[in-house]
């Protein structure tokens, strides 16, 4: 169910890519990932309670799709932001 809602934003990100708007595409991707990670951490509704790992799985899928269409350097930057979420989480 969460994935259906996120699809709209993923499609918008893809539109930026199709238009050659790399900066906007990257910012949108980061926004999607940040939103999913925040929801995964702070979510407190019945959907989150049923599938608490879904936001992380969906974020990983967004990153996977990003990597298919971008250079290793661009992909590493997105992956590093995702990974830093978990690094910061462990030090809190």
PDB file of N, CA and C in Angstrom:
ATOM      1  N   UNK A   1       0.823  -1.188   0.000  1.00  0.00           N
ATOM      2  CA  UNK A   1       0.000   0.000   0.000  1.00  0.00           C
ATOM      3  C   UNK A   1       0.875   1.263   0.000  1.00  0.00           C
ATOM      4  N   UNK A   2       1.919   1.271   0.782  1.00  0.00           N
ATOM      5  CA  UNK A   2       2.817   2.420   0.819  1.00  0.00           C
ATOM      6  C   UNK A   2       3.478   2.596  -0.545  1.00  0.00           C
ATOM      7  N   UNK A   3       3.850   1.488  -1.138  1.00  0.00           N
ATOM      8  CA  UNK A   3       4.520   1.531  -2.436  1.00  0.00           C
ATOM      9  C   UNK A   3       3.642   2.199  -3.491  1.00  0.00           C
ATOM     10  N   UNK A   4       2.341   1.977  -3.420  1.00  0.00           N
ATOM     11  CA  UNK A   4       1.425   2.608  -4.372  1.00  0.00           C
ATOM     12  C   UNK A   4       1.468   4.129  -4.240  1.00  0.00           C
ATOM     13  N   UNK A   5       1.551   4.614  -3.016  1.00  0.00           N
ATOM     14  CA  UNK A   5       1.614   6.055  -2.788  1.00  0.00           C
ATOM     15  C   UNK A   5       2.957   6.634  -3.235  1.00  0.00           C
ATOM     16  N   UNK A   6       4.013   5.910  -3.011  1.00  0.00           N
ATOM     17  CA  UNK A   6       5.350   6.374  -3.364  1.00  0.00           C
ATOM     18  C   UNK A   6       5.538   6.379  -4.879  1.00  0.00           C
ATOM     19  N   UNK A   7       4.831   5.516  -5.587  1.00  0.00           N
ATOM     20  CA  UNK A   7       4.974   5.420  -7.044  1.00  0.00           C
ATOM     21  C   UNK A   7       4.791   6.775  -7.730  1.00  0.00           C
ATOM     22  N   UNK A   8       3.845   7.565  -7.262  1.00  0.00           N
ATOM     23  CA  UNK A   8       3.616   8.895  -7.840  1.00  0.00           C
ATOM     24  C   UNK A   8       4.911   9.715  -7.819  1.00  0.00           C
ATOM     25  N   UNK A   9       5.602   9.686  -6.701  1.00  0.00           N
ATOM     26  CA  UNK A   9       6.827  10.470  -6.551  1.00  0.00           C
ATOM     27  C   UNK A   9       7.976   9.884  -7.367  1.00  0.00           C
ATOM     28  N   UNK A  10       8.030   8.579  -7.456  1.00  0.00           N
ATOM     29  CA  UNK A  10       9.050   7.933  -8.279  1.00  0.00           C
ATOM     30  C   UNK A  10       8.828   8.312  -9.744  1.00  0.00           C
ATOM     31  N   UNK A  11       7.592   8.328 -10.166  1.00  0.00           N
ATOM     32  CA  UNK A  11       7.283   8.710 -11.550  1.00  0.00           C
ATOM     33  C   UNK A  11       7.696  10.155 -11.819  1.00  0.00           C
ATOM     34  N   UNK A  12       7.466  11.036 -10.859  1.00  0.00           N
ATOM     35  CA  UNK A  12       7.873  12.439 -10.998  1.00  0.00           C
ATOM     36  C   UNK A  12       9.400  12.530 -11.131  1.00  0.00           C
ATOM     37  N   UNK A  13      10.116  11.750 -10.332  1.00  0.00           N
ATOM     38  CA  UNK A  13      11.570  11.703 -10.413  1.00  0.00           C
ATOM     39  C   UNK A  13      11.999  11.239 -11.806  1.00  0.00           C
ATOM     40  N   UNK A  14      11.337  10.230 -12.330  1.00  0.00           N
ATOM     41  CA  UNK A  14      11.648   9.714 -13.663  1.00  0.00           C
ATOM     42  C   UNK A  14      11.374  10.758 -14.740  1.00  0.00           C
ATOM     43  N   UNK A  15      10.358  11.578 -14.548  1.00  0.00           N
ATOM     44  CA  UNK A  15      10.065  12.640 -15.502  1.00  0.00           C
ATOM     45  C   UNK A  15      11.219  13.644 -15.550  1.00  0.00           C
ATOM     46  N   UNK A  16      11.765  13.972 -14.396  1.00  0.00           N
ATOM     47  CA  UNK A  16      12.927  14.861 -14.367  1.00  0.00           C
ATOM     48  C   UNK A  16      14.091  14.237 -15.140  1.00  0.00           C
ATOM     49  N   UNK A  17      14.296  12.943 -14.957  1.00  0.00           N
ATOM     50  CA  UNK A  17      15.363  12.244 -15.683  1.00  0.00           C
ATOM     51  C   UNK A  17      15.121  12.309 -17.186  1.00  0.00           C
ATOM     52  N   UNK A  18      13.894  12.028 -17.591  1.00  0.00           N
ATOM     53  CA  UNK A  18      13.553  12.045 -19.007  1.00  0.00           C
ATOM     54  C   UNK A  18      13.754  13.422 -19.637  1.00  0.00           C
ATOM     55  N   UNK A  19      13.598  14.461 -18.834  1.00  0.00           N
ATOM     56  CA  UNK A  19      13.780  15.827 -19.316  1.00  0.00           C
ATOM     57  C   UNK A  19      15.228  16.298 -19.228  1.00  0.00           C
ATOM     58  N   UNK A  20      16.107  15.451 -18.708  1.00  0.00           N
ATOM     59  CA  UNK A  20      17.509  15.814 -18.583  1.00  0.00           C
ATOM     60  C   UNK A  20      17.787  16.756 -17.420  1.00  0.00           C
ATOM     61  N   UNK A  21      16.885  16.811 -16.468  1.00  0.00           N
ATOM     62  CA  UNK A  21      17.021  17.706 -15.310  1.00  0.00           C
ATOM     63  C   UNK A  21      17.655  16.928 -14.159  1.00  0.00           C
ATOM     64  N   UNK A  22      18.966  16.719 -14.268  1.00  0.00           N
ATOM     65  CA  UNK A  22      19.684  15.848 -13.333  1.00  0.00           C
ATOM     66  C   UNK A  22      19.639  16.350 -11.893  1.00  0.00           C
ATOM     67  N   UNK A  23      19.801  17.640 -11.683  1.00  0.00           N
ATOM     68  CA  UNK A  23      19.803  18.186 -10.327  1.00  0.00           C
ATOM     69  C   UNK A  23      18.447  17.974  -9.663  1.00  0.00           C
ATOM     70  N   UNK A  24      17.389  18.285 -10.386  1.00  0.00           N
ATOM     71  CA  UNK A  24      16.045  18.125  -9.847  1.00  0.00           C
ATOM     72  C   UNK A  24      15.727  16.655  -9.587  1.00  0.00           C
ATOM     73  N   UNK A  25      16.177  15.809 -10.501  1.00  0.00           N
ATOM     74  CA  UNK A  25      15.958  14.367 -10.331  1.00  0.00           C
ATOM     75  C   UNK A  25      16.638  13.870  -9.059  1.00  0.00           C
ATOM     76  N   UNK A  26      17.873  14.280  -8.866  1.00  0.00           N
ATOM     77  CA  UNK A  26      18.623  13.841  -7.687  1.00  0.00           C
ATOM     78  C   UNK A  26      17.976  14.358  -6.405  1.00  0.00           C
ATOM     79  N   UNK A  27      17.583  15.618  -6.392  1.00  0.00           N
ATOM     80  CA  UNK A  27      16.935  16.182  -5.207  1.00  0.00           C
ATOM     81  C   UNK A  27      15.622  15.467  -4.910  1.00  0.00           C
ATOM     82  N   UNK A  28      14.889  15.143  -5.940  1.00  0.00           N
ATOM     83  CA  UNK A  28      13.630  14.424  -5.762  1.00  0.00           C
ATOM     84  C   UNK A  28      13.893  13.032  -5.200  1.00  0.00           C
ATOM     85  N   UNK A  29      14.916  12.359  -5.733  1.00  0.00           N
ATOM     86  CA  UNK A  29      15.285  11.033  -5.244  1.00  0.00           C
ATOM     87  C   UNK A  29      15.647  11.097  -3.761  1.00  0.00           C
ATOM     88  N   UNK A  30      16.448  12.081  -3.403  1.00  0.00           N
ATOM     89  CA  UNK A  30      16.839  12.240  -1.999  1.00  0.00           C
ATOM     90  C   UNK A  30      15.628  12.516  -1.118  1.00  0.00           C
ATOM     91  N   UNK A  31      14.687  13.278  -1.640  1.00  0.00           N
ATOM     92  CA  UNK A  31      13.465  13.555  -0.887  1.00  0.00           C
ATOM     93  C   UNK A  31      12.635  12.304  -0.656  1.00  0.00           C
ATOM     94  N   UNK A  32      12.518  11.485  -1.686  1.00  0.00           N
ATOM     95  CA  UNK A  32      11.768  10.230  -1.565  1.00  0.00           C
ATOM     96  C   UNK A  32      12.420   9.340  -0.505  1.00  0.00           C
ATOM     97  N   UNK A  33      13.724   9.189  -0.611  1.00  0.00           N
ATOM     98  CA  UNK A  33      14.441   8.328   0.325  1.00  0.00           C
ATOM     99  C   UNK A  33      14.342   8.872   1.745  1.00  0.00           C
ATOM    100  N   UNK A  34      14.544  10.172   1.907  1.00  0.00           N
ATOM    101  CA  UNK A  34      14.464  10.780   3.237  1.00  0.00           C
ATOM    102  C   UNK A  34      13.084  10.590   3.847  1.00  0.00           C
ATOM    103  N   UNK A  35      12.062  10.800   3.038  1.00  0.00           N
ATOM    104  CA  UNK A  35      10.692  10.626   3.536  1.00  0.00           C
ATOM    105  C   UNK A  35      10.413   9.195   3.960  1.00  0.00           C
ATOM    106  N   UNK A  36      10.868   8.252   3.168  1.00  0.00           N
ATOM    107  CA  UNK A  36      10.657   6.843   3.513  1.00  0.00           C
ATOM    108  C   UNK A  36      11.402   6.463   4.787  1.00  0.00           C
ATOM    109  N   UNK A  37      12.639   6.933   4.913  1.00  0.00           N
ATOM    110  CA  UNK A  37      13.416   6.599   6.109  1.00  0.00           C
ATOM    111  C   UNK A  37      12.817   7.240   7.356  1.00  0.00           C
ATOM    112  N   UNK A  38      12.343   8.461   7.222  1.00  0.00           N
ATOM    113  CA  UNK A  38      11.706   9.126   8.370  1.00  0.00           C
ATOM    114  C   UNK A  38      10.433   8.389   8.765  1.00  0.00           C
ATOM    115  N   UNK A  39       9.648   8.000   7.777  1.00  0.00           N
ATOM    116  CA  UNK A  39       8.433   7.245   8.063  1.00  0.00           C
ATOM    117  C   UNK A  39       8.771   5.898   8.696  1.00  0.00           C
ATOM    118  N   UNK A  40       9.814   5.258   8.209  1.00  0.00           N
ATOM    119  CA  UNK A  40      10.228   3.981   8.784  1.00  0.00           C
ATOM    120  C   UNK A  40      10.629   4.108  10.233  1.00  0.00           C
ATOM    121  N   UNK A  41      11.232   5.236  10.563  1.00  0.00           N
ATOM    122  CA  UNK A  41      11.690   5.457  11.929  1.00  0.00           C
ATOM    123  C   UNK A  41      10.576   5.967  12.847  1.00  0.00           C
ATOM    124  N   UNK A  42       9.770   6.886  12.339  1.00  0.00           N
ATOM    125  CA  UNK A  42       8.793   7.570  13.183  1.00  0.00           C
ATOM    126  C   UNK A  42       7.352   7.173  12.936  1.00  0.00           C
ATOM    127  N   UNK A  43       7.108   6.309  11.967  1.00  0.00           N
ATOM    128  CA  UNK A  43       5.739   5.943  11.623  1.00  0.00           C
ATOM    129  C   UNK A  43       5.010   5.309  12.794  1.00  0.00           C
ATOM    130  N   UNK A  44       3.778   5.734  12.962  1.00  0.00           N
ATOM    131  CA  UNK A  44       2.999   5.169  14.069  1.00  0.00           C
ATOM    132  C   UNK A  44       1.522   5.099  13.672  1.00  0.00           C
ATOM    133  N   UNK A  45       1.270   4.325  12.637  1.00  0.00           N
ATOM    134  CA  UNK A  45      -0.112   4.088  12.254  1.00  0.00           C
ATOM    135  C   UNK A  45      -0.269   2.611  11.931  1.00  0.00           C
ATOM    136  N   UNK A  46      -1.475   2.217  11.601  1.00  0.00           N
ATOM    137  CA  UNK A  46      -1.733   0.797  11.395  1.00  0.00           C
ATOM    138  C   UNK A  46      -0.947   0.214  10.233  1.00  0.00           C
ATOM    139  N   UNK A  47      -0.689   1.003   9.183  1.00  0.00           N
ATOM    140  CA  UNK A  47       0.076   0.487   8.045  1.00  0.00           C
ATOM    141  C   UNK A  47       1.520   0.226   8.454  1.00  0.00           C
ATOM    142  N   UNK A  48       2.081   1.136   9.198  1.00  0.00           N
ATOM    143  CA  UNK A  48       3.458   0.978   9.663  1.00  0.00           C
ATOM    144  C   UNK A  48       3.552  -0.221  10.604  1.00  0.00           C
ATOM    145  N   UNK A  49       2.565  -0.382  11.461  1.00  0.00           N
ATOM    146  CA  UNK A  49       2.574  -1.498  12.413  1.00  0.00           C
ATOM    147  C   UNK A  49       2.499  -2.848  11.699  1.00  0.00           C
ATOM    148  N   UNK A  50       1.790  -2.918  10.578  1.00  0.00           N
ATOM    149  CA  UNK A  50       1.661  -4.175   9.833  1.00  0.00           C
ATOM    150  C   UNK A  50       2.938  -4.538   9.091  1.00  0.00           C
ATOM    151  N   UNK A  51       3.586  -3.559   8.533  1.00  0.00           N
ATOM    152  CA  UNK A  51       4.778  -3.796   7.703  1.00  0.00           C
ATOM    153  C   UNK A  51       5.857  -2.774   8.031  1.00  0.00           C
ATOM    154  N   UNK A  52       6.485  -2.875   9.185  1.00  0.00           N
ATOM    155  CA  UNK A  52       7.461  -1.847   9.592  1.00  0.00           C
ATOM    156  C   UNK A  52       8.701  -1.782   8.705  1.00  0.00           C
ATOM    157  N   UNK A  53       9.003  -2.826   7.948  1.00  0.00           N
ATOM    158  CA  UNK A  53      10.181  -2.813   7.083  1.00  0.00           C
ATOM    159  C   UNK A  53       9.897  -2.270   5.682  1.00  0.00           C
ATOM    160  N   UNK A  54       8.641  -2.098   5.333  1.00  0.00           N
ATOM    161  CA  UNK A  54       8.296  -1.642   3.984  1.00  0.00           C
ATOM    162  C   UNK A  54       8.986  -0.346   3.573  1.00  0.00           C
ATOM    163  N   UNK A  55       9.012   0.689   4.414  1.00  0.00           N
ATOM    164  CA  UNK A  55       9.665   1.924   3.964  1.00  0.00           C
ATOM    165  C   UNK A  55      11.131   1.716   3.586  1.00  0.00           C
ATOM    166  N   UNK A  56      11.821   0.879   4.318  1.00  0.00           N
ATOM    167  CA  UNK A  56      13.237   0.621   4.023  1.00  0.00           C
ATOM    168  C   UNK A  56      13.390  -0.184   2.729  1.00  0.00           C
ATOM    169  N   UNK A  57      12.526  -1.152   2.537  1.00  0.00           N
ATOM    170  CA  UNK A  57      12.556  -1.959   1.321  1.00  0.00           C
ATOM    171  C   UNK A  57      12.254  -1.101   0.099  1.00  0.00           C
ATOM    172  N   UNK A  58      11.274  -0.237   0.222  1.00  0.00           N
ATOM    173  CA  UNK A  58      10.918   0.635  -0.896  1.00  0.00           C
ATOM    174  C   UNK A  58      12.065   1.604  -1.187  1.00  0.00           C
ATOM    175  N   UNK A  59      12.680   2.153  -0.148  1.00  0.00           N
ATOM    176  CA  UNK A  59      13.830   3.056  -0.342  1.00  0.00           C
ATOM    177  C   UNK A  59      14.957   2.325  -1.066  1.00  0.00           C
ATOM    178  N   UNK A  60      15.213   1.085  -0.676  1.00  0.00           N
ATOM    179  CA  UNK A  60      16.243   0.294  -1.351  1.00  0.00           C
ATOM    180  C   UNK A  60      15.897   0.068  -2.823  1.00  0.00           C
ATOM    181  N   UNK A  61      14.617  -0.135  -3.120  1.00  0.00           N
ATOM    182  CA  UNK A  61      14.183  -0.317  -4.504  1.00  0.00           C
ATOM    183  C   UNK A  61      14.371   0.966  -5.312  1.00  0.00           C
ATOM    184  N   UNK A  62      14.090   2.116  -4.701  1.00  0.00           N
ATOM    185  CA  UNK A  62      14.293   3.397  -5.382  1.00  0.00           C
ATOM    186  C   UNK A  62      15.772   3.568  -5.705  1.00  0.00           C
ATOM    187  N   UNK A  63      16.637   3.234  -4.752  1.00  0.00           N
ATOM    188  CA  UNK A  63      18.082   3.336  -4.978  1.00  0.00           C
ATOM    189  C   UNK A  63      18.516   2.362  -6.070  1.00  0.00           C
ATOM    190  N   UNK A  64      18.005   1.162  -6.029  1.00  0.00           N
ATOM    191  CA  UNK A  64      18.342   0.160  -7.050  1.00  0.00           C
ATOM    192  C   UNK A  64      17.979   0.676  -8.445  1.00  0.00           C
ATOM    193  N   UNK A  65      16.777   1.240  -8.577  1.00  0.00           N
ATOM    194  CA  UNK A  65      16.352   1.777  -9.866  1.00  0.00           C
ATOM    195  C   UNK A  65      17.215   2.963 -10.279  1.00  0.00           C
ATOM    196  N   UNK A  66      17.590   3.783  -9.317  1.00  0.00           N
ATOM    197  CA  UNK A  66      18.460   4.928  -9.597  1.00  0.00           C
ATOM    198  C   UNK A  66      19.788   4.448 -10.186  1.00  0.00           C
ATOM    199  N   UNK A  67      20.338   3.413  -9.588  1.00  0.00           N
ATOM    200  CA  UNK A  67      21.648   2.912 -10.013  1.00  0.00           C
ATOM    201  C   UNK A  67      21.645   2.403 -11.449  1.00  0.00           C
ATOM    202  N   UNK A  68      20.525   1.931 -11.920  1.00  0.00           N
ATOM    203  CA  UNK A  68      20.445   1.400 -13.285  1.00  0.00           C
ATOM    204  C   UNK A  68      20.680   2.482 -14.338  1.00  0.00           C
ATOM    205  N   UNK A  69      20.347   3.721 -14.019  1.00  0.00           N
ATOM    206  CA  UNK A  69      20.394   4.797 -15.004  1.00  0.00           C
ATOM    207  C   UNK A  69      21.453   5.855 -14.719  1.00  0.00           C
ATOM    208  N   UNK A  70      22.356   5.592 -13.764  1.00  0.00           N
ATOM    209  CA  UNK A  70      23.327   6.609 -13.388  1.00  0.00           C
ATOM    210  C   UNK A  70      24.727   6.022 -13.258  1.00  0.00           C
ATOM    211  N   UNK A  71      25.685   6.921 -13.241  1.00  0.00           N
ATOM    212  CA  UNK A  71      27.076   6.499 -13.106  1.00  0.00           C
ATOM    213  C   UNK A  71      27.326   5.966 -11.708  1.00  0.00           C
ATOM    214  N   UNK A  72      28.442   5.272 -11.566  1.00  0.00           N
ATOM    215  CA  UNK A  72      28.819   4.734 -10.256  1.00  0.00           C
ATOM    216  C   UNK A  72      28.988   5.862  -9.244  1.00  0.00           C
ATOM    217  N   UNK A  73      29.565   6.973  -9.673  1.00  0.00           N
ATOM    218  CA  UNK A  73      29.776   8.100  -8.767  1.00  0.00           C
ATOM    219  C   UNK A  73      28.444   8.672  -8.276  1.00  0.00           C
ATOM    220  N   UNK A  74      27.500   8.865  -9.184  1.00  0.00           N
ATOM    221  CA  UNK A  74      26.180   9.367  -8.796  1.00  0.00           C
ATOM    222  C   UNK A  74      25.469   8.376  -7.880  1.00  0.00           C
ATOM    223  N   UNK A  75      25.611   7.116  -8.171  1.00  0.00           N
ATOM    224  CA  UNK A  75      24.970   6.076  -7.369  1.00  0.00           C
ATOM    225  C   UNK A  75      25.569   6.004  -5.969  1.00  0.00           C
ATOM    226  N   UNK A  76      26.876   6.156  -5.885  1.00  0.00           N
ATOM    227  CA  UNK A  76      27.537   6.109  -4.580  1.00  0.00           C
ATOM    228  C   UNK A  76      27.061   7.228  -3.678  1.00  0.00           C
ATOM    229  N   UNK A  77      26.826   8.398  -4.253  1.00  0.00           N
ATOM    230  CA  UNK A  77      26.360   9.532  -3.456  1.00  0.00           C
ATOM    231  C   UNK A  77      24.986   9.246  -2.854  1.00  0.00           C
ATOM    232  N   UNK A  78      24.085   8.725  -3.654  1.00  0.00           N
ATOM    233  CA  UNK A  78      22.743   8.384  -3.165  1.00  0.00           C
ATOM    234  C   UNK A  78      22.833   7.275  -2.122  1.00  0.00           C
ATOM    235  N   UNK A  79      23.631   6.255  -2.400  1.00  0.00           N
ATOM    236  CA  UNK A  79      23.795   5.137  -1.463  1.00  0.00           C
ATOM    237  C   UNK A  79      24.394   5.621  -0.144  1.00  0.00           C
ATOM    238  N   UNK A  80      25.346   6.539  -0.205  1.00  0.00           N
ATOM    239  CA  UNK A  80      25.992   7.049   1.008  1.00  0.00           C
ATOM    240  C   UNK A  80      24.993   7.778   1.904  1.00  0.00           C
ATOM    241  N   UNK A  81      24.083   8.499   1.307  1.00  0.00           N
ATOM    242  CA  UNK A  81      23.067   9.199   2.096  1.00  0.00           C
ATOM    243  C   UNK A  81      22.161   8.190   2.782  1.00  0.00           C
ATOM    244  N   UNK A  82      21.780   7.154   2.068  1.00  0.00           N
ATOM    245  CA  UNK A  82      20.958   6.088   2.652  1.00  0.00           C
ATOM    246  C   UNK A  82      21.718   5.412   3.796  1.00  0.00           C
ATOM    247  N   UNK A  83      22.969   5.067   3.548  1.00  0.00           N
ATOM    248  CA  UNK A  83      23.775   4.386   4.568  1.00  0.00           C
ATOM    249  C   UNK A  83      24.008   5.266   5.788  1.00  0.00           C
ATOM    250  N   UNK A  84      24.168   6.574   5.567  1.00  0.00           N
ATOM    251  CA  UNK A  84      24.429   7.474   6.694  1.00  0.00           C
ATOM    252  C   UNK A  84      23.244   7.533   7.649  1.00  0.00           C
ATOM    253  N   UNK A  85      22.065   7.298   7.149  1.00  0.00           N
ATOM    254  CA  UNK A  85      20.880   7.272   8.015  1.00  0.00           C
ATOM    255  C   UNK A  85      21.048   6.204   9.093  1.00  0.00           C
ATOM    256  N   UNK A  86      21.537   5.057   8.689  1.00  0.00           N
ATOM    257  CA  UNK A  86      21.691   3.960   9.638  1.00  0.00           C
ATOM    258  C   UNK A  86      22.910   4.165  10.528  1.00  0.00           C
ATOM    259  N   UNK A  87      23.941   4.811  10.024  1.00  0.00           N
ATOM    260  CA  UNK A  87      25.122   5.111  10.842  1.00  0.00           C
ATOM    261  C   UNK A  87      24.751   6.080  11.943  1.00  0.00           C
ATOM    262  N   UNK A  88      24.002   7.120  11.607  1.00  0.00           N
ATOM    263  CA  UNK A  88      23.581   8.105  12.594  1.00  0.00           C
ATOM    264  C   UNK A  88      22.614   7.489  13.595  1.00  0.00           C
ATOM    265  N   UNK A  89      21.791   6.578  13.137  1.00  0.00           N
ATOM    266  CA  UNK A  89      20.823   5.924  13.994  1.00  0.00           C
ATOM    267  C   UNK A  89      21.503   5.121  15.093  1.00  0.00           C
ATOM    268  N   UNK A  90      22.630   4.500  14.786  1.00  0.00           N
ATOM    269  CA  UNK A  90      23.325   3.679  15.756  1.00  0.00           C
ATOM    270  C   UNK A  90      24.040   4.502  16.808  1.00  0.00           C
ATOM    271  N   UNK A  91      24.413   5.756  16.490  1.00  0.00           N
ATOM    272  CA  UNK A  91      25.142   6.576  17.446  1.00  0.00           C
ATOM    273  C   UNK A  91      24.220   7.364  18.345  1.00  0.00           C
ATOM    274  N   UNK A  92      22.929   7.404  18.062  1.00  0.00           N
ATOM    275  CA  UNK A  92      21.990   8.166  18.886  1.00  0.00           C
ATOM    276  C   UNK A  92      21.743   7.494  20.210  1.00  0.00           C
TER     277      UNK A  92
END
